[in-house]
């Protein structure tokens, strides 16, 4: 789909109407959404995010997964909006290339969805009571366009 912009250009006594086509970003082959499994968790318990993938193409696509620390990124912020550091496990994780490190394959038919659950605590320490904002991201495989897909921010509250 293209959007059209109209420009009025003055040339001498006349006015010339021209159009300029502006291409929009391509639609992702797979849509990616995330939601808190529980909006409130007790301090010391893991907070989980449910992620859902939906195939937007008219053909079967197969998604490859190695480990949550390699397959996803998570931006976790505290109530002040400060970005929390990665856990030691996340910072030390060496992720193989997608085509060589896959441990699981999920085929999705056209318009079919699959859901999984990821621990936020694998990515950042949110064991202290407070309000947190989590945004999950996943990159489509190159053969599907390689688009980086981000969820809307998710609110998680950790209580004592």
Protein backbone atom coordinates (compact mmCIF):
# COMPACT_ATOMS: atom_id res chain seq x y z
CA UNK A 1 0.00 0.00 0.00
CA UNK A 2 1.29 3.46 -0.77
CA UNK A 3 0.32 6.80 0.59
CA UNK A 4 0.20 9.75 -1.75
CA UNK A 5 1.32 13.24 -0.85
CA UNK A 6 0.14 16.21 -2.90
CA UNK A 7 2.39 19.22 -3.38
CA UNK A 8 1.42 22.56 -4.80
CA UNK A 9 4.24 24.14 -6.75
CA UNK A 10 3.97 27.72 -7.95
CA UNK A 11 5.37 28.28 -11.43
CA UNK A 12 4.96 31.84 -12.60
CA UNK A 13 1.28 32.73 -12.70
CA UNK A 14 0.15 29.08 -12.64
CA UNK A 15 0.03 26.35 -10.04
CA UNK A 16 1.23 22.81 -10.76
CA UNK A 17 -0.19 19.90 -8.77
CA UNK A 18 2.25 16.99 -8.40
CA UNK A 19 2.12 13.71 -6.51
CA UNK A 20 4.86 12.02 -4.59
CA UNK A 21 4.50 8.33 -3.64
CA UNK A 22 5.82 7.36 -0.24
CA UNK A 23 6.25 3.64 0.44
CA UNK A 24 5.30 2.31 3.86
CA UNK A 25 7.36 -0.21 5.81
CA UNK A 26 6.65 -3.78 4.70
CA UNK A 27 4.20 -5.78 6.81
CA UNK A 28 5.87 -8.45 8.91
CA UNK A 29 5.41 -12.03 7.75
CA UNK A 30 4.77 -12.99 11.37
CA UNK A 31 3.07 -10.85 13.98
CA UNK A 32 4.42 -10.90 17.53
CA UNK A 33 2.54 -9.90 20.68
CA UNK A 34 3.29 -10.27 24.38
CA UNK A 35 1.27 -10.02 27.57
CA UNK A 36 2.04 -10.53 31.25
CA UNK A 37 1.16 -14.05 32.36
CA UNK A 38 0.34 -12.44 35.73
CA UNK A 39 0.30 -8.67 36.22
CA UNK A 40 1.37 -9.10 39.85
CA UNK A 41 3.96 -11.49 41.28
CA UNK A 42 5.52 -11.93 44.72
CA UNK A 43 9.10 -10.87 45.33
CA UNK A 44 11.41 -13.81 44.63
CA UNK A 45 9.01 -15.45 42.15
CA UNK A 46 9.55 -15.39 38.40
CA UNK A 47 7.50 -13.02 36.29
CA UNK A 48 6.43 -14.51 32.97
CA UNK A 49 5.49 -13.04 29.62
CA UNK A 50 3.26 -14.93 27.20
CA UNK A 51 4.34 -14.38 23.59
CA UNK A 52 2.17 -15.16 20.58
CA UNK A 53 3.30 -15.56 16.99
CA UNK A 54 0.80 -15.43 14.11
CA UNK A 55 1.62 -16.35 10.52
CA UNK A 56 0.44 -13.50 8.25
CA UNK A 57 1.41 -15.26 5.03
CA UNK A 58 -0.70 -17.51 2.81
CA UNK A 59 1.73 -20.39 3.23
CA UNK A 60 3.31 -22.46 6.00
CA UNK A 61 6.27 -20.89 7.77
CA UNK A 62 8.57 -22.68 10.20
CA UNK A 63 9.99 -20.74 13.12
CA UNK A 64 13.25 -21.89 14.74
CA UNK A 65 14.03 -21.48 18.42
CA UNK A 66 17.26 -22.12 20.35
CA UNK A 67 16.80 -20.64 23.83
CA UNK A 68 14.84 -17.68 25.19
CA UNK A 69 18.05 -15.76 25.92
CA UNK A 70 19.06 -16.05 22.27
CA UNK A 71 15.67 -15.87 20.60
CA UNK A 72 14.31 -12.76 22.33
CA UNK A 73 15.45 -9.50 23.78
CA UNK A 74 13.71 -7.85 26.71
CA UNK A 75 13.90 -4.24 27.70
CA UNK A 76 13.03 -4.02 31.39
CA UNK A 77 12.60 -0.65 33.10
CA UNK A 78 11.87 0.30 36.69
CA UNK A 79 9.18 2.75 37.85
CA UNK A 80 11.54 5.69 37.14
CA UNK A 81 12.00 4.53 33.54
CA UNK A 82 15.60 3.43 34.12
CA UNK A 83 16.76 0.45 32.07
CA UNK A 84 17.70 -2.51 34.25
CA UNK A 85 20.96 -4.32 33.50
CA UNK A 86 21.02 -7.79 31.98
CA UNK A 87 21.41 -10.74 34.31
CA UNK A 88 24.81 -12.41 34.45
CA UNK A 89 23.38 -15.37 32.52
CA UNK A 90 22.11 -13.07 29.75
CA UNK A 91 25.33 -11.09 29.50
CA UNK A 92 27.46 -14.26 29.29
CA UNK A 93 25.21 -16.08 26.82
CA UNK A 94 26.81 -16.76 23.46
CA UNK A 95 24.11 -17.30 20.91
CA UNK A 96 24.77 -19.36 17.79
CA UNK A 97 23.40 -18.32 14.44
CA UNK A 98 19.71 -19.11 14.05
CA UNK A 99 20.28 -21.72 11.33
CA UNK A 100 22.78 -23.74 13.39
CA UNK A 101 21.56 -23.42 16.97
CA UNK A 102 17.90 -24.32 16.66
CA UNK A 103 16.59 -26.75 19.26
CA UNK A 104 12.97 -26.51 18.27
CA UNK A 105 10.89 -25.89 15.18
CA UNK A 106 7.33 -24.57 15.10
CA UNK A 107 5.49 -24.83 11.78
CA UNK A 108 2.60 -22.38 11.44
CA UNK A 109 -0.08 -22.66 8.76
CA UNK A 110 -1.51 -19.49 7.21
CA UNK A 111 -3.18 -17.37 9.92
CA UNK A 112 -2.24 -19.91 12.60
CA UNK A 113 -0.82 -18.81 15.96
CA UNK A 114 1.48 -20.34 18.56
CA UNK A 115 2.04 -19.18 22.13
CA UNK A 116 4.96 -19.60 24.49
CA UNK A 117 5.99 -18.37 27.94
CA UNK A 118 9.26 -16.65 28.85
CA UNK A 119 10.69 -15.79 32.26
CA UNK A 120 11.48 -12.07 32.55
CA UNK A 121 13.90 -12.90 35.40
CA UNK A 122 16.20 -14.62 32.90
CA UNK A 123 16.84 -11.22 31.33
CA UNK A 124 16.78 -8.78 34.27
CA UNK A 125 16.53 -8.99 38.07
CA UNK A 126 13.05 -7.84 39.05
CA UNK A 127 13.02 -9.43 42.49
CA UNK A 128 12.59 -6.12 44.37
CA UNK A 129 9.06 -4.90 45.00
CA UNK A 130 7.97 -2.22 42.56
CA UNK A 131 6.45 -1.44 39.18
CA UNK A 132 8.27 -2.62 36.06
CA UNK A 133 7.75 -2.11 32.35
CA UNK A 134 8.76 -4.95 30.04
CA UNK A 135 9.02 -4.83 26.26
CA UNK A 136 9.79 -8.08 24.45
CA UNK A 137 11.31 -8.20 20.97
CA UNK A 138 11.89 -10.93 18.40
CA UNK A 139 13.50 -10.80 14.95
CA UNK A 140 11.93 -12.66 12.06
CA UNK A 141 14.26 -15.04 10.24
CA UNK A 142 16.03 -13.45 7.25
CA UNK A 143 14.08 -15.59 4.80
CA UNK A 144 10.86 -14.00 6.14
CA UNK A 145 12.20 -10.45 5.94
CA UNK A 146 14.25 -10.16 9.13
CA UNK A 147 11.94 -7.51 10.62
CA UNK A 148 12.53 -6.71 14.33
CA UNK A 149 9.16 -7.03 16.04
CA UNK A 150 8.54 -5.41 19.43
CA UNK A 151 5.64 -5.90 21.79
CA UNK A 152 3.78 -3.07 23.41
CA UNK A 153 5.18 -2.32 26.90
CA UNK A 154 3.82 -4.67 29.55
CA UNK A 155 3.34 -3.63 33.19
CA UNK A 156 4.42 -6.05 35.93
CA UNK A 157 4.11 -5.33 39.66
CA UNK A 158 6.33 -7.13 42.16
CA UNK A 159 4.87 -7.17 45.68
CA UNK A 160 6.57 -8.13 48.99
